[in-house]
């Protein structure tokens, strides 16, 4: 589920960069998704 969300956000971010649509919201969501991914990876390794 997390990977699906990350891929969707990455595609939307790329569309935003190329087309200029959606702007800062997509960048913010991408940063949040990357932070969540890093936290999940760190927690998974510690268990």
PDB file of N, CA and C in Angstrom:
ATOM      1  N   UNK A   1       0.829  -1.196   0.000  1.00  0.00           N
ATOM      2  CA  UNK A   1       0.000   0.000   0.000  1.00  0.00           C
ATOM      3  C   UNK A   1       0.872   1.257   0.000  1.00  0.00           C
ATOM      4  N   UNK A   2       1.902   1.252   0.839  1.00  0.00           N
ATOM      5  CA  UNK A   2       2.789   2.414   0.921  1.00  0.00           C
ATOM      6  C   UNK A   2       3.508   2.641  -0.395  1.00  0.00           C
ATOM      7  N   UNK A   3       3.929   1.550  -1.050  1.00  0.00           N
ATOM      8  CA  UNK A   3       4.636   1.685  -2.328  1.00  0.00           C
ATOM      9  C   UNK A   3       3.703   2.250  -3.395  1.00  0.00           C
ATOM     10  N   UNK A   4       2.430   1.862  -3.377  1.00  0.00           N
ATOM     11  CA  UNK A   4       1.465   2.381  -4.340  1.00  0.00           C
ATOM     12  C   UNK A   4       1.291   3.881  -4.173  1.00  0.00           C
ATOM     13  N   UNK A   5       1.148   4.323  -2.929  1.00  0.00           N
ATOM     14  CA  UNK A   5       0.994   5.745  -2.643  1.00  0.00           C
ATOM     15  C   UNK A   5       2.239   6.508  -3.074  1.00  0.00           C
ATOM     16  N   UNK A   6       3.402   5.947  -2.791  1.00  0.00           N
ATOM     17  CA  UNK A   6       4.655   6.598  -3.159  1.00  0.00           C
ATOM     18  C   UNK A   6       4.781   6.735  -4.677  1.00  0.00           C
ATOM     19  N   UNK A   7       4.422   5.703  -5.420  1.00  0.00           N
ATOM     20  CA  UNK A   7       4.501   5.742  -6.882  1.00  0.00           C
ATOM     21  C   UNK A   7       3.519   6.764  -7.448  1.00  0.00           C
ATOM     22  N   UNK A   8       2.294   6.781  -6.920  1.00  0.00           N
ATOM     23  CA  UNK A   8       1.297   7.750  -7.391  1.00  0.00           C
ATOM     24  C   UNK A   8       1.774   9.176  -7.133  1.00  0.00           C
ATOM     25  N   UNK A   9       2.308   9.424  -5.931  1.00  0.00           N
ATOM     26  CA  UNK A   9       2.804  10.766  -5.612  1.00  0.00           C
ATOM     27  C   UNK A   9       3.987  11.145  -6.490  1.00  0.00           C
ATOM     28  N   UNK A  10       4.845  10.190  -6.787  1.00  0.00           N
ATOM     29  CA  UNK A  10       5.988  10.466  -7.654  1.00  0.00           C
ATOM     30  C   UNK A  10       5.533  10.836  -9.058  1.00  0.00           C
ATOM     31  N   UNK A  11       4.545  10.120  -9.591  1.00  0.00           N
ATOM     32  CA  UNK A  11       4.018  10.431 -10.922  1.00  0.00           C
ATOM     33  C   UNK A  11       3.363  11.812 -10.922  1.00  0.00           C
ATOM     34  N   UNK A  12       2.558  12.105  -9.897  1.00  0.00           N
ATOM     35  CA  UNK A  12       1.919  13.418  -9.815  1.00  0.00           C
ATOM     36  C   UNK A  12       2.950  14.526  -9.684  1.00  0.00           C
ATOM     37  N   UNK A  13       4.022  14.264  -8.938  1.00  0.00           N
ATOM     38  CA  UNK A  13       5.084  15.254  -8.778  1.00  0.00           C
ATOM     39  C   UNK A  13       5.765  15.529 -10.109  1.00  0.00           C
ATOM     40  N   UNK A  14       6.056  14.452 -10.863  1.00  0.00           N
ATOM     41  CA  UNK A  14       6.678  14.626 -12.176  1.00  0.00           C
ATOM     42  C   UNK A  14       5.762  15.408 -13.123  1.00  0.00           C
ATOM     43  N   UNK A  15       4.464  15.127 -13.078  1.00  0.00           N
ATOM     44  CA  UNK A  15       3.513  15.884 -13.900  1.00  0.00           C
ATOM     45  C   UNK A  15       3.486  17.350 -13.481  1.00  0.00           C
ATOM     46  N   UNK A  16       3.587  17.589 -12.208  1.00  0.00           N
ATOM     47  CA  UNK A  16       3.607  18.957 -11.696  1.00  0.00           C
ATOM     48  C   UNK A  16       4.849  19.702 -12.127  1.00  0.00           C
ATOM     49  N   UNK A  17       5.989  19.008 -12.135  1.00  0.00           N
ATOM     50  CA  UNK A  17       7.241  19.635 -12.566  1.00  0.00           C
ATOM     51  C   UNK A  17       7.180  19.940 -14.059  1.00  0.00           C
ATOM     52  N   UNK A  18       6.680  18.985 -14.837  1.00  0.00           N
ATOM     53  CA  UNK A  18       6.647  19.159 -16.285  1.00  0.00           C
ATOM     54  C   UNK A  18       5.580  20.184 -16.691  1.00  0.00           C
ATOM     55  N   UNK A  19       4.393  20.055 -16.150  1.00  0.00           N
ATOM     56  CA  UNK A  19       3.283  20.891 -16.602  1.00  0.00           C
ATOM     57  C   UNK A  19       3.016  22.116 -15.745  1.00  0.00           C
ATOM     58  N   UNK A  20       3.604  22.200 -14.588  1.00  0.00           N
ATOM     59  CA  UNK A  20       3.372  23.344 -13.721  1.00  0.00           C
ATOM     60  C   UNK A  20       2.030  23.302 -13.011  1.00  0.00           C
ATOM     61  N   UNK A  21       1.346  22.149 -13.064  1.00  0.00           N
ATOM     62  CA  UNK A  21       0.062  22.045 -12.381  1.00  0.00           C
ATOM     63  C   UNK A  21       0.269  21.587 -10.947  1.00  0.00           C
ATOM     64  N   UNK A  22      -0.622  21.905 -10.073  1.00  0.00           N
ATOM     65  CA  UNK A  22      -0.659  21.461  -8.680  1.00  0.00           C
ATOM     66  C   UNK A  22       0.402  22.110  -7.790  1.00  0.00           C
ATOM     67  N   UNK A  23       1.562  22.450  -8.314  1.00  0.00           N
ATOM     68  CA  UNK A  23       2.538  23.258  -7.587  1.00  0.00           C
ATOM     69  C   UNK A  23       3.045  22.690  -6.288  1.00  0.00           C
ATOM     70  N   UNK A  24       3.049  23.525  -5.264  1.00  0.00           N
ATOM     71  CA  UNK A  24       3.704  23.209  -3.993  1.00  0.00           C
ATOM     72  C   UNK A  24       3.047  22.060  -3.240  1.00  0.00           C
ATOM     73  N   UNK A  25       1.763  21.825  -3.453  1.00  0.00           N
ATOM     74  CA  UNK A  25       1.069  20.757  -2.734  1.00  0.00           C
ATOM     75  C   UNK A  25       1.676  19.397  -3.066  1.00  0.00           C
ATOM     76  N   UNK A  26       1.963  19.156  -4.326  1.00  0.00           N
ATOM     77  CA  UNK A  26       2.542  17.879  -4.740  1.00  0.00           C
ATOM     78  C   UNK A  26       3.939  17.715  -4.156  1.00  0.00           C
ATOM     79  N   UNK A  27       4.718  18.794  -4.157  1.00  0.00           N
ATOM     80  CA  UNK A  27       6.060  18.723  -3.570  1.00  0.00           C
ATOM     81  C   UNK A  27       5.979  18.399  -2.084  1.00  0.00           C
ATOM     82  N   UNK A  28       5.039  19.025  -1.387  1.00  0.00           N
ATOM     83  CA  UNK A  28       4.855  18.768   0.039  1.00  0.00           C
ATOM     84  C   UNK A  28       4.443  17.318   0.286  1.00  0.00           C
ATOM     85  N   UNK A  29       3.506  16.806  -0.520  1.00  0.00           N
ATOM     86  CA  UNK A  29       3.064  15.424  -0.361  1.00  0.00           C
ATOM     87  C   UNK A  29       4.186  14.436  -0.649  1.00  0.00           C
ATOM     88  N   UNK A  30       5.022  14.741  -1.638  1.00  0.00           N
ATOM     89  CA  UNK A  30       6.146  13.868  -1.953  1.00  0.00           C
ATOM     90  C   UNK A  30       7.139  13.822  -0.805  1.00  0.00           C
ATOM     91  N   UNK A  31       7.426  14.965  -0.211  1.00  0.00           N
ATOM     92  CA  UNK A  31       8.348  15.008   0.927  1.00  0.00           C
ATOM     93  C   UNK A  31       7.779  14.215   2.095  1.00  0.00           C
ATOM     94  N   UNK A  32       6.488  14.366   2.360  1.00  0.00           N
ATOM     95  CA  UNK A  32       5.851  13.617   3.447  1.00  0.00           C
ATOM     96  C   UNK A  32       5.916  12.115   3.168  1.00  0.00           C
ATOM     97  N   UNK A  33       5.650  11.713   1.921  1.00  0.00           N
ATOM     98  CA  UNK A  33       5.706  10.295   1.559  1.00  0.00           C
ATOM     99  C   UNK A  33       7.117   9.736   1.738  1.00  0.00           C
ATOM    100  N   UNK A  34       8.132  10.504   1.361  1.00  0.00           N
ATOM    101  CA  UNK A  34       9.509  10.041   1.529  1.00  0.00           C
ATOM    102  C   UNK A  34       9.877   9.913   3.000  1.00  0.00           C
ATOM    103  N   UNK A  35       9.421  10.845   3.824  1.00  0.00           N
ATOM    104  CA  UNK A  35       9.687  10.767   5.263  1.00  0.00           C
ATOM    105  C   UNK A  35       9.033   9.521   5.851  1.00  0.00           C
ATOM    106  N   UNK A  36       7.781   9.268   5.461  1.00  0.00           N
ATOM    107  CA  UNK A  36       7.072   8.077   5.960  1.00  0.00           C
ATOM    108  C   UNK A  36       7.793   6.813   5.511  1.00  0.00           C
ATOM    109  N   UNK A  37       8.251   6.784   4.261  1.00  0.00           N
ATOM    110  CA  UNK A  37       8.974   5.621   3.748  1.00  0.00           C
ATOM    111  C   UNK A  37      10.254   5.381   4.537  1.00  0.00           C
ATOM    112  N   UNK A  38      11.006   6.418   4.798  1.00  0.00           N
ATOM    113  CA  UNK A  38      12.248   6.273   5.562  1.00  0.00           C
ATOM    114  C   UNK A  38      11.968   5.780   6.972  1.00  0.00           C
ATOM    115  N   UNK A  39      10.942   6.331   7.609  1.00  0.00           N
ATOM    116  CA  UNK A  39      10.584   5.896   8.965  1.00  0.00           C
ATOM    117  C   UNK A  39      10.187   4.427   8.961  1.00  0.00           C
ATOM    118  N   UNK A  40       9.391   3.996   7.969  1.00  0.00           N
ATOM    119  CA  UNK A  40       8.976   2.593   7.889  1.00  0.00           C
ATOM    120  C   UNK A  40      10.171   1.673   7.677  1.00  0.00           C
ATOM    121  N   UNK A  41      11.119   2.078   6.822  1.00  0.00           N
ATOM    122  CA  UNK A  41      12.306   1.252   6.588  1.00  0.00           C
ATOM    123  C   UNK A  41      13.153   1.134   7.845  1.00  0.00           C
ATOM    124  N   UNK A  42      13.328   2.219   8.563  1.00  0.00           N
ATOM    125  CA  UNK A  42      14.125   2.195   9.791  1.00  0.00           C
ATOM    126  C   UNK A  42      13.444   1.338  10.847  1.00  0.00           C
ATOM    127  N   UNK A  43      12.143   1.464  10.982  1.00  0.00           N
ATOM    128  CA  UNK A  43      11.411   0.656  11.966  1.00  0.00           C
ATOM    129  C   UNK A  43      11.441  -0.823  11.592  1.00  0.00           C
ATOM    130  N   UNK A  44      11.385  -1.112  10.296  1.00  0.00           N
ATOM    131  CA  UNK A  44      11.403  -2.506   9.849  1.00  0.00           C
ATOM    132  C   UNK A  44      12.723  -3.169  10.132  1.00  0.00           C
ATOM    133  N   UNK A  45      13.815  -2.441  10.022  1.00  0.00           N
ATOM    134  CA  UNK A  45      15.136  -3.021  10.273  1.00  0.00           C
ATOM    135  C   UNK A  45      15.380  -3.210  11.753  1.00  0.00           C
ATOM    136  N   UNK A  46      14.790  -2.391  12.600  1.00  0.00           N
ATOM    137  CA  UNK A  46      15.053  -2.502  14.037  1.00  0.00           C
ATOM    138  C   UNK A  46      14.273  -3.650  14.674  1.00  0.00           C
ATOM    139  N   UNK A  47      13.237  -4.134  13.995  1.00  0.00           N
ATOM    140  CA  UNK A  47      12.421  -5.200  14.576  1.00  0.00           C
ATOM    141  C   UNK A  47      13.002  -6.562  14.345  1.00  0.00           C
TER     142      UNK A  47
END
